[in-house]
Amino acid sequence: MEYLNRWELRGLKKGRQEGVVGFFLELAEDRFGPLPGWVLQKISGADESRIKEWGKLLITKNSLEEVFSS
């Protein structure tokens, strides 16, 4: 395996985070329609693992409020 410096690792992590955010937003919008601003604020302040948790909740919850209150 090729050696990666810390800047490359940060770039990979940031790219992965952006992918998770984009996928979450797409799924949430497909399920609930246009997203209110508070959802975007919540997502922008969350780490990747939390966004993935919320993403799983999109399947079973009936509203965005329920997704984010869990």
N, C-alpha and C. Protein backbone atom coordinates (compact mmCIF):
# COMPACT_ATOMS: atom_id res chain seq x y z
N MET A 1 0.84 -1.19 0.00
CA MET A 1 0.00 0.00 0.00
C MET A 1 0.88 1.24 0.00
N GLU A 2 0.47 2.18 -0.72
CA GLU A 2 1.21 3.43 -0.86
C GLU A 2 1.08 4.28 0.40
N TYR A 3 2.15 4.97 0.74
CA TYR A 3 2.17 5.85 1.91
C TYR A 3 1.39 7.13 1.59
N LEU A 4 0.49 7.51 2.49
CA LEU A 4 -0.26 8.76 2.35
C LEU A 4 0.14 9.72 3.45
N ASN A 5 0.37 10.95 3.09
CA ASN A 5 0.70 11.93 4.13
C ASN A 5 -0.58 12.42 4.80
N ARG A 6 -0.42 13.16 5.86
CA ARG A 6 -1.59 13.57 6.64
C ARG A 6 -2.53 14.47 5.85
N TRP A 7 -2.02 15.25 4.92
CA TRP A 7 -2.88 16.13 4.11
C TRP A 7 -3.74 15.30 3.17
N GLU A 8 -3.14 14.27 2.61
CA GLU A 8 -3.91 13.38 1.73
C GLU A 8 -5.00 12.65 2.52
N LEU A 9 -4.65 12.21 3.72
CA LEU A 9 -5.64 11.54 4.57
C LEU A 9 -6.78 12.48 4.94
N ARG A 10 -6.45 13.73 5.24
CA ARG A 10 -7.50 14.72 5.54
C ARG A 10 -8.40 14.93 4.32
N GLY A 11 -7.79 14.98 3.15
CA GLY A 11 -8.56 15.15 1.92
C GLY A 11 -9.50 13.97 1.68
N LEU A 12 -9.01 12.77 1.91
CA LEU A 12 -9.85 11.59 1.76
C LEU A 12 -11.01 11.60 2.74
N LYS A 13 -10.72 11.98 3.98
CA LYS A 13 -11.76 12.03 5.00
C LYS A 13 -12.81 13.08 4.65
N LYS A 14 -12.34 14.24 4.20
CA LYS A 14 -13.27 15.31 3.83
C LYS A 14 -14.14 14.88 2.65
N GLY A 15 -13.55 14.23 1.67
CA GLY A 15 -14.30 13.75 0.52
C GLY A 15 -15.35 12.73 0.91
N ARG A 16 -14.98 11.83 1.83
CA ARG A 16 -15.93 10.82 2.31
C ARG A 16 -17.09 11.50 3.04
N GLN A 17 -16.77 12.48 3.89
CA GLN A 17 -17.79 13.23 4.64
C GLN A 17 -18.75 13.93 3.67
N GLU A 18 -18.21 14.56 2.64
CA GLU A 18 -19.06 15.26 1.68
C GLU A 18 -19.96 14.27 0.94
N GLY A 19 -19.46 13.08 0.66
CA GLY A 19 -20.26 12.06 0.02
C GLY A 19 -21.41 11.60 0.90
N VAL A 20 -21.13 11.41 2.19
CA VAL A 20 -22.16 10.99 3.14
C VAL A 20 -23.22 12.07 3.26
N VAL A 21 -22.80 13.31 3.36
CA VAL A 21 -23.74 14.43 3.46
C VAL A 21 -24.62 14.50 2.21
N GLY A 22 -24.01 14.42 1.05
CA GLY A 22 -24.77 14.49 -0.20
C GLY A 22 -25.78 13.36 -0.31
N PHE A 23 -25.38 12.16 0.06
CA PHE A 23 -26.29 11.02 -0.01
C PHE A 23 -27.44 11.18 0.97
N PHE A 24 -27.14 11.62 2.19
CA PHE A 24 -28.19 11.85 3.18
C PHE A 24 -29.20 12.87 2.67
N LEU A 25 -28.72 14.00 2.16
CA LEU A 25 -29.61 15.06 1.70
C LEU A 25 -30.49 14.58 0.54
N GLU A 26 -29.91 13.80 -0.36
CA GLU A 26 -30.68 13.27 -1.48
C GLU A 26 -31.79 12.34 -0.99
N LEU A 27 -31.46 11.43 -0.08
CA LEU A 27 -32.47 10.52 0.45
C LEU A 27 -33.55 11.26 1.22
N ALA A 28 -33.13 12.20 2.05
CA ALA A 28 -34.09 12.96 2.86
C ALA A 28 -35.04 13.75 1.98
N GLU A 29 -34.51 14.36 0.93
CA GLU A 29 -35.35 15.14 0.04
C GLU A 29 -36.30 14.23 -0.76
N ASP A 30 -35.82 13.08 -1.17
CA ASP A 30 -36.70 12.13 -1.87
C ASP A 30 -37.84 11.68 -0.97
N ARG A 31 -37.54 11.50 0.30
CA ARG A 31 -38.56 10.99 1.24
C ARG A 31 -39.52 12.09 1.71
N PHE A 32 -38.98 13.27 2.04
CA PHE A 32 -39.79 14.29 2.70
C PHE A 32 -39.99 15.57 1.88
N GLY A 33 -39.42 15.65 0.70
CA GLY A 33 -39.56 16.85 -0.12
C GLY A 33 -38.49 17.87 0.21
N PRO A 34 -38.67 19.10 -0.24
CA PRO A 34 -37.67 20.15 0.00
C PRO A 34 -37.34 20.26 1.50
N LEU A 35 -36.05 20.38 1.78
CA LEU A 35 -35.59 20.38 3.17
C LEU A 35 -35.55 21.79 3.73
N PRO A 36 -36.02 21.95 4.96
CA PRO A 36 -35.94 23.26 5.61
C PRO A 36 -34.49 23.58 6.00
N GLY A 37 -34.22 24.85 6.19
CA GLY A 37 -32.88 25.30 6.54
C GLY A 37 -32.31 24.67 7.79
N TRP A 38 -33.14 24.37 8.78
CA TRP A 38 -32.62 23.81 10.03
C TRP A 38 -32.00 22.43 9.80
N VAL A 39 -32.47 21.70 8.79
CA VAL A 39 -31.87 20.40 8.49
C VAL A 39 -30.45 20.60 7.98
N LEU A 40 -30.27 21.55 7.10
CA LEU A 40 -28.93 21.82 6.56
C LEU A 40 -27.98 22.27 7.66
N GLN A 41 -28.47 23.05 8.61
CA GLN A 41 -27.63 23.47 9.74
C GLN A 41 -27.24 22.28 10.59
N LYS A 42 -28.19 21.39 10.87
CA LYS A 42 -27.89 20.20 11.67
C LYS A 42 -26.82 19.36 11.01
N ILE A 43 -26.99 19.13 9.71
CA ILE A 43 -26.06 18.28 8.96
C ILE A 43 -24.67 18.90 8.91
N SER A 44 -24.60 20.20 8.69
CA SER A 44 -23.29 20.85 8.56
C SER A 44 -22.49 20.81 9.86
N GLY A 45 -23.17 20.67 10.99
CA GLY A 45 -22.46 20.62 12.26
C GLY A 45 -22.23 19.22 12.79
N ALA A 46 -22.59 18.20 12.01
CA ALA A 46 -22.51 16.82 12.51
C ALA A 46 -21.33 16.07 11.91
N ASP A 47 -20.87 15.06 12.63
CA ASP A 47 -19.80 14.23 12.09
C ASP A 47 -20.40 13.09 11.25
N GLU A 48 -19.53 12.41 10.54
CA GLU A 48 -19.96 11.38 9.60
C GLU A 48 -20.79 10.27 10.26
N SER A 49 -20.39 9.82 11.42
CA SER A 49 -21.12 8.73 12.07
C SER A 49 -22.54 9.15 12.46
N ARG A 50 -22.70 10.37 12.90
CA ARG A 50 -24.03 10.86 13.29
C ARG A 50 -24.93 10.98 12.06
N ILE A 51 -24.37 11.45 10.96
CA ILE A 51 -25.16 11.58 9.73
C ILE A 51 -25.61 10.20 9.26
N LYS A 52 -24.74 9.21 9.38
CA LYS A 52 -25.12 7.84 9.01
C LYS A 52 -26.24 7.33 9.90
N GLU A 53 -26.19 7.63 11.19
CA GLU A 53 -27.27 7.23 12.10
C GLU A 53 -28.59 7.85 11.67
N TRP A 54 -28.57 9.15 11.38
CA TRP A 54 -29.78 9.82 10.92
C TRP A 54 -30.26 9.21 9.61
N GLY A 55 -29.33 8.86 8.73
CA GLY A 55 -29.68 8.25 7.45
C GLY A 55 -30.47 6.97 7.63
N LYS A 56 -30.07 6.15 8.57
CA LYS A 56 -30.79 4.91 8.84
C LYS A 56 -32.21 5.20 9.33
N LEU A 57 -32.36 6.28 10.06
CA LEU A 57 -33.68 6.65 10.59
C LEU A 57 -34.63 7.15 9.51
N LEU A 58 -34.09 7.61 8.38
CA LEU A 58 -34.94 8.07 7.29
C LEU A 58 -35.88 6.96 6.81
N ILE A 59 -35.48 5.72 7.01
CA ILE A 59 -36.27 4.59 6.54
C ILE A 59 -37.53 4.39 7.38
N THR A 60 -37.41 4.59 8.68
CA THR A 60 -38.51 4.22 9.57
C THR A 60 -39.31 5.38 10.16
N LYS A 61 -38.75 6.56 10.14
CA LYS A 61 -39.43 7.70 10.76
C LYS A 61 -40.38 8.37 9.78
N ASN A 62 -41.39 9.03 10.31
CA ASN A 62 -42.43 9.64 9.48
C ASN A 62 -42.23 11.12 9.20
N SER A 63 -41.23 11.73 9.82
CA SER A 63 -40.97 13.15 9.59
C SER A 63 -39.51 13.45 9.89
N LEU A 64 -39.06 14.58 9.41
CA LEU A 64 -37.68 15.01 9.72
C LEU A 64 -37.52 15.28 11.22
N GLU A 65 -38.56 15.80 11.82
CA GLU A 65 -38.51 16.05 13.27
C GLU A 65 -38.25 14.75 14.03
N GLU A 66 -38.88 13.68 13.58
CA GLU A 66 -38.66 12.38 14.24
C GLU A 66 -37.24 11.88 14.00
N VAL A 67 -36.74 12.08 12.80
CA VAL A 67 -35.36 11.65 12.48
C VAL A 67 -34.37 12.33 13.42
N PHE A 68 -34.53 13.62 13.60
CA PHE A 68 -33.54 14.37 14.37
C PHE A 68 -33.81 14.40 15.86
N SER A 69 -34.94 13.90 16.29
CA SER A 69 -35.20 13.85 17.74
C SER A 69 -34.72 12.53 18.35
N SER A 70 -34.35 11.60 17.50
CA SER A 70 -33.91 10.28 17.98
C SER A 70 -32.46 10.30 18.41
